[in-house]
Amino acid sequence: MKSFTKFIKSKIFKSITSLKFLLFFFIPIFTILIIGSCKHDQIYPDVCFETEVQPIFLANCAISGCHDATRAEGGYVLTDYSNIMNKGIKSGNASGSKIYKAISGNILAESMPPSGPLTTEQITLIRSWIESGAKSGNCNTSSCDTNLFSFSLNVKPIFDTYCVGCHKSGSSSNINFDGYSNIKAYLDVSGNVTKIIQAVQYTSASSMPKTGKMIDCKITQMVKWINAGYANN
């Protein structure tokens, strides 16, 4: 009877020991899996290729002698959606897209544009576009409000996206729209307020941007800001 009891106790002890081992081994694994399943992928805002991304490529990359259809430097033509998607863009994966790595400085030997880096806002916009699927025609203009026209939140991003690529320090145009002080210096010159308003409204021979007219809401935001005294607000 004693030997039987001893046998039972031995079996119970081994079972408990095995259970402790299993719990010790598997609980951390289950914990890691549960924590991992709770993580959510970052949500990127939808970006309109035609009105937000393409102007950046056209003004900074698809210029004469670089990535236009004639030169196609390095085999890259960055003039339109099909060509941009043809090489260097991995939909949903900005960090794996060679074009993004070049403009964000992650390929030091091939950092682009050679004339100087894009603004942080432009790089972020392109990243969001790629991560959200690198789609074309995803253009919802309802988020643009003509009653909002502060420089920092509404107008500066317009200049950065549509103007700075061609009009910055050292550019052949001799016009610098990179930053408030440069924009103000330009607008302070007699006649330039009328000139820039007519340019963005496409009512003059020197209409801007050359890549195509901006949506009406953005034009209105810029014009309202200028007519209100172009404050650094």
Protein backbone atom coordinates (compact mmCIF):
# COMPACT_ATOMS: atom_id res chain seq x y z
CA MET A 1 0.00 0.00 0.00
CA LYS A 2 2.85 2.37 0.90
CA SER A 3 4.66 1.61 -2.34
CA PHE A 4 1.46 2.29 -4.29
CA THR A 5 0.99 5.63 -2.51
CA LYS A 6 4.61 6.49 -3.19
CA PHE A 7 4.12 5.60 -6.85
CA ILE A 8 1.03 7.83 -7.10
CA LYS A 9 2.83 10.74 -5.42
CA SER A 10 5.75 10.30 -7.81
CA LYS A 11 3.42 10.45 -10.81
CA ILE A 12 1.64 13.50 -9.45
CA PHE A 13 4.97 15.25 -8.79
CA LYS A 14 6.18 14.52 -12.32
CA SER A 15 2.90 15.78 -13.77
CA ILE A 16 3.10 18.99 -11.77
CA THR A 17 6.74 19.45 -12.78
CA SER A 18 5.87 18.90 -16.44
CA LEU A 19 2.96 21.33 -16.17
CA LYS A 20 5.19 23.97 -14.59
CA PHE A 21 7.69 23.51 -17.42
CA LEU A 22 4.98 23.87 -20.06
CA LEU A 23 3.59 26.96 -18.39
CA PHE A 24 7.07 28.45 -18.02
CA PHE A 25 7.83 27.77 -21.68
CA PHE A 26 4.54 28.66 -23.37
CA ILE A 27 3.22 31.62 -21.36
CA PRO A 28 5.93 34.03 -22.65
CA ILE A 29 5.23 32.87 -26.21
CA PHE A 30 1.48 33.40 -25.84
CA THR A 31 2.14 36.79 -24.25
CA ILE A 32 4.30 37.88 -27.19
CA LEU A 33 1.68 36.68 -29.67
CA ILE A 34 -1.13 38.50 -27.85
CA ILE A 35 0.85 41.74 -27.62
CA GLY A 36 1.81 41.47 -31.27
CA SER A 37 -1.78 40.95 -32.33
CA CYS A 38 -2.78 44.14 -30.50
CA LYS A 39 -0.48 46.33 -32.57
CA HIS A 40 -2.15 48.27 -35.37
CA ASP A 41 -0.53 49.33 -38.61
CA GLN A 42 -0.08 53.06 -38.97
CA ILE A 43 -2.91 54.64 -40.91
CA TYR A 44 -1.78 57.05 -43.61
CA PRO A 45 -4.10 59.71 -45.02
CA ASP A 46 -5.28 59.43 -48.60
CA VAL A 47 -3.27 61.67 -50.91
CA CYS A 48 -4.32 62.93 -54.34
CA PHE A 49 -1.61 62.07 -56.85
CA GLU A 50 -2.68 64.56 -59.51
CA THR A 51 -2.90 67.65 -57.30
CA GLU A 52 -0.42 66.87 -54.51
CA VAL A 53 2.23 64.36 -55.59
CA GLN A 54 2.67 64.83 -59.34
CA PRO A 55 3.45 68.58 -59.00
CA ILE A 56 6.36 67.70 -56.69
CA PHE A 57 7.83 65.26 -59.22
CA LEU A 58 7.30 67.64 -62.14
CA ALA A 59 8.85 70.63 -60.40
CA ASN A 60 11.81 68.81 -58.84
CA CYS A 61 12.51 65.65 -60.83
CA ALA A 62 11.04 65.69 -64.35
CA ILE A 63 12.89 68.85 -65.33
CA SER A 64 14.95 69.20 -68.49
CA GLY A 65 18.13 67.15 -68.34
CA CYS A 66 17.03 64.95 -65.46
CA HIS A 67 14.06 62.60 -65.32
CA ASP A 68 12.04 63.98 -68.21
CA ALA A 69 11.04 61.84 -71.19
CA THR A 70 14.01 63.07 -73.26
CA ARG A 71 16.86 62.46 -70.82
CA ALA A 72 15.38 59.75 -68.58
CA GLU A 73 18.40 59.88 -66.27
CA GLY A 74 19.12 56.47 -64.78
CA GLY A 75 16.19 55.00 -66.68
CA TYR A 76 13.67 56.99 -64.64
CA VAL A 77 10.94 59.05 -66.28
CA LEU A 78 8.98 60.89 -63.58
CA THR A 79 6.53 62.87 -65.68
CA ASP A 80 3.25 61.05 -65.09
CA TYR A 81 1.61 58.32 -63.04
CA SER A 82 2.35 55.35 -65.28
CA ASN A 83 6.03 56.23 -65.66
CA ILE A 84 6.49 56.98 -61.96
CA MET A 85 4.91 53.63 -61.04
CA ASN A 86 6.96 51.83 -63.69
CA LYS A 87 10.17 51.96 -61.68
CA GLY A 88 11.18 52.78 -58.13
CA ILE A 89 7.81 52.75 -56.35
CA LYS A 90 6.51 49.79 -54.33
CA SER A 91 2.86 50.34 -53.52
CA GLY A 92 2.29 50.23 -49.76
CA ASN A 93 6.01 50.10 -49.00
CA ALA A 94 7.76 53.47 -48.94
CA SER A 95 10.89 52.17 -47.22
CA GLY A 96 11.27 49.60 -49.98
CA SER A 97 10.76 52.14 -52.78
CA LYS A 98 14.02 53.32 -54.30
CA ILE A 99 12.58 56.71 -55.30
CA TYR A 100 11.44 57.37 -51.74
CA LYS A 101 14.80 56.28 -50.34
CA ALA A 102 16.54 58.68 -52.72
CA ILE A 103 14.41 61.72 -51.84
CA SER A 104 14.51 60.98 -48.10
CA GLY A 105 18.31 60.72 -48.06
CA ASN A 106 18.45 56.99 -47.28
CA ILE A 107 20.65 56.39 -50.33
CA LEU A 108 23.39 58.93 -49.72
CA ALA A 109 25.17 58.31 -53.03
CA GLU A 110 21.93 58.85 -54.94
CA SER A 111 20.14 61.50 -52.87
CA MET A 112 17.67 63.46 -54.94
CA PRO A 113 17.04 66.07 -56.14
CA PRO A 114 20.72 67.00 -56.68
CA SER A 115 19.84 70.69 -56.38
CA GLY A 116 18.80 70.19 -52.76
CA PRO A 117 16.42 68.09 -50.69
CA LEU A 118 12.66 68.32 -50.83
CA THR A 119 10.92 69.89 -47.87
CA THR A 120 9.88 67.70 -44.94
CA GLU A 121 6.26 68.27 -45.93
CA GLN A 122 6.88 67.08 -49.50
CA ILE A 123 8.73 63.95 -48.35
CA THR A 124 5.98 63.14 -45.85
CA LEU A 125 3.33 63.63 -48.53
CA ILE A 126 5.05 61.22 -50.92
CA ARG A 127 5.51 58.68 -48.14
CA SER A 128 1.81 58.89 -47.24
CA TRP A 129 0.88 58.48 -50.90
CA ILE A 130 3.03 55.34 -51.27
CA GLU A 131 1.95 53.78 -47.97
CA SER A 132 -1.74 54.38 -48.70
CA GLY A 133 -1.45 52.44 -51.95
CA ALA A 134 0.25 54.81 -54.42
CA LYS A 135 -3.08 55.32 -56.16
CA SER A 136 -4.09 57.68 -58.94
CA GLY A 137 -7.34 59.62 -59.01
CA ASN A 138 -7.88 59.39 -55.24
CA CYS A 139 -8.77 63.07 -55.03
CA ASN A 140 -11.18 64.27 -52.40
CA THR A 141 -11.14 68.06 -52.36
CA SER A 142 -13.84 68.37 -49.70
CA SER A 143 -11.17 68.69 -47.00
CA CYS A 144 -10.02 72.00 -48.53
CA ASP A 145 -11.78 74.96 -46.93
CA THR A 146 -11.58 78.39 -48.57
CA ASN A 147 -12.29 80.02 -45.21
CA LEU A 148 -8.98 78.73 -43.88
CA PHE A 149 -5.97 80.58 -45.27
CA SER A 150 -3.30 80.96 -42.60
CA PHE A 151 0.24 80.95 -43.94
CA SER A 152 1.66 78.12 -41.83
CA LEU A 153 -1.25 75.68 -42.14
CA ASN A 154 -2.69 76.39 -45.57
CA VAL A 155 -0.59 78.65 -47.78
CA LYS A 156 2.97 77.51 -47.09
CA PRO A 157 2.15 73.91 -48.08
CA ILE A 158 0.80 75.26 -51.39
CA PHE A 159 4.03 77.14 -52.10
CA ASP A 160 6.12 74.13 -51.01
CA THR A 161 4.22 71.73 -53.26
CA TYR A 162 3.64 73.81 -56.38
CA CYS A 163 6.26 76.58 -56.41
CA VAL A 164 9.45 75.90 -54.45
CA GLY A 165 10.66 73.20 -56.83
CA CYS A 166 11.32 75.85 -59.50
CA HIS A 167 11.55 78.96 -57.32
CA LYS A 168 14.20 78.57 -54.66
CA SER A 169 17.72 79.74 -53.92
CA GLY A 170 19.95 79.32 -56.96
CA SER A 171 17.12 78.60 -59.40
CA SER A 172 17.28 80.06 -62.90
CA SER A 173 14.04 81.99 -62.33
CA ASN A 174 15.76 84.26 -59.78
CA ILE A 175 12.58 84.01 -57.71
CA ASN A 176 12.66 82.40 -54.28
CA PHE A 177 9.45 81.17 -52.66
CA ASP A 178 11.19 79.01 -50.07
CA GLY A 179 9.96 80.29 -46.71
CA TYR A 180 7.92 83.24 -45.51
CA SER A 181 10.65 85.91 -45.64
CA ASN A 182 11.40 85.17 -49.30
CA ILE A 183 7.72 85.13 -50.27
CA LYS A 184 7.10 88.41 -48.45
CA ALA A 185 10.13 90.03 -50.10
CA TYR A 186 8.71 89.09 -53.51
CA LEU A 187 5.19 90.33 -52.72
CA ASP A 188 6.52 93.61 -51.32
CA VAL A 189 7.83 94.54 -54.77
CA SER A 190 5.38 96.80 -56.61
CA GLY A 191 3.29 94.90 -59.16
CA ASN A 192 4.18 91.42 -57.92
CA VAL A 193 0.93 90.88 -56.01
CA THR A 194 -1.06 91.28 -59.22
CA LYS A 195 1.48 89.21 -61.12
CA ILE A 196 1.32 86.19 -58.82
CA ILE A 197 -2.48 86.27 -58.49
CA GLN A 198 -2.91 86.34 -62.27
CA ALA A 199 -0.34 83.56 -62.60
CA VAL A 200 -2.10 81.12 -60.25
CA GLN A 201 -5.52 82.03 -61.68
CA TYR A 202 -4.21 81.24 -65.18
CA THR A 203 -5.18 84.65 -66.51
CA SER A 204 -1.71 85.68 -67.68
CA ALA A 205 0.83 84.48 -70.21
CA SER A 206 3.11 83.30 -67.40
CA SER A 207 0.56 81.06 -65.69
CA MET A 208 1.82 78.98 -62.78
CA PRO A 209 2.40 76.24 -61.92
CA LYS A 210 3.51 75.04 -65.34
CA THR A 211 2.38 71.51 -64.46
CA GLY A 212 -1.26 72.56 -64.49
CA LYS A 213 -3.72 74.80 -62.73
CA MET A 214 -4.25 74.19 -59.01
CA ILE A 215 -7.71 73.32 -57.74
CA ASP A 216 -9.91 76.39 -57.19
CA CYS A 217 -9.92 76.01 -53.40
CA LYS A 218 -6.13 76.27 -53.13
CA ILE A 219 -6.08 79.27 -55.48
CA THR A 220 -8.71 80.98 -53.34
CA GLN A 221 -6.75 80.25 -50.16
CA MET A 222 -3.60 81.80 -51.61
CA VAL A 223 -5.38 84.84 -53.04
CA LYS A 224 -7.28 85.49 -49.80
CA TRP A 225 -4.05 85.30 -47.80
CA ILE A 226 -2.29 87.73 -50.15
CA ASN A 227 -5.20 90.19 -50.25
CA ALA A 228 -5.45 90.08 -46.44
CA GLY A 229 -1.90 91.42 -46.17
CA TYR A 230 0.09 88.15 -46.41
CA ALA A 231 0.79 87.89 -42.68
CA ASN A 232 3.10 85.27 -41.17
CA ASN A 233 0.28 83.55 -39.32
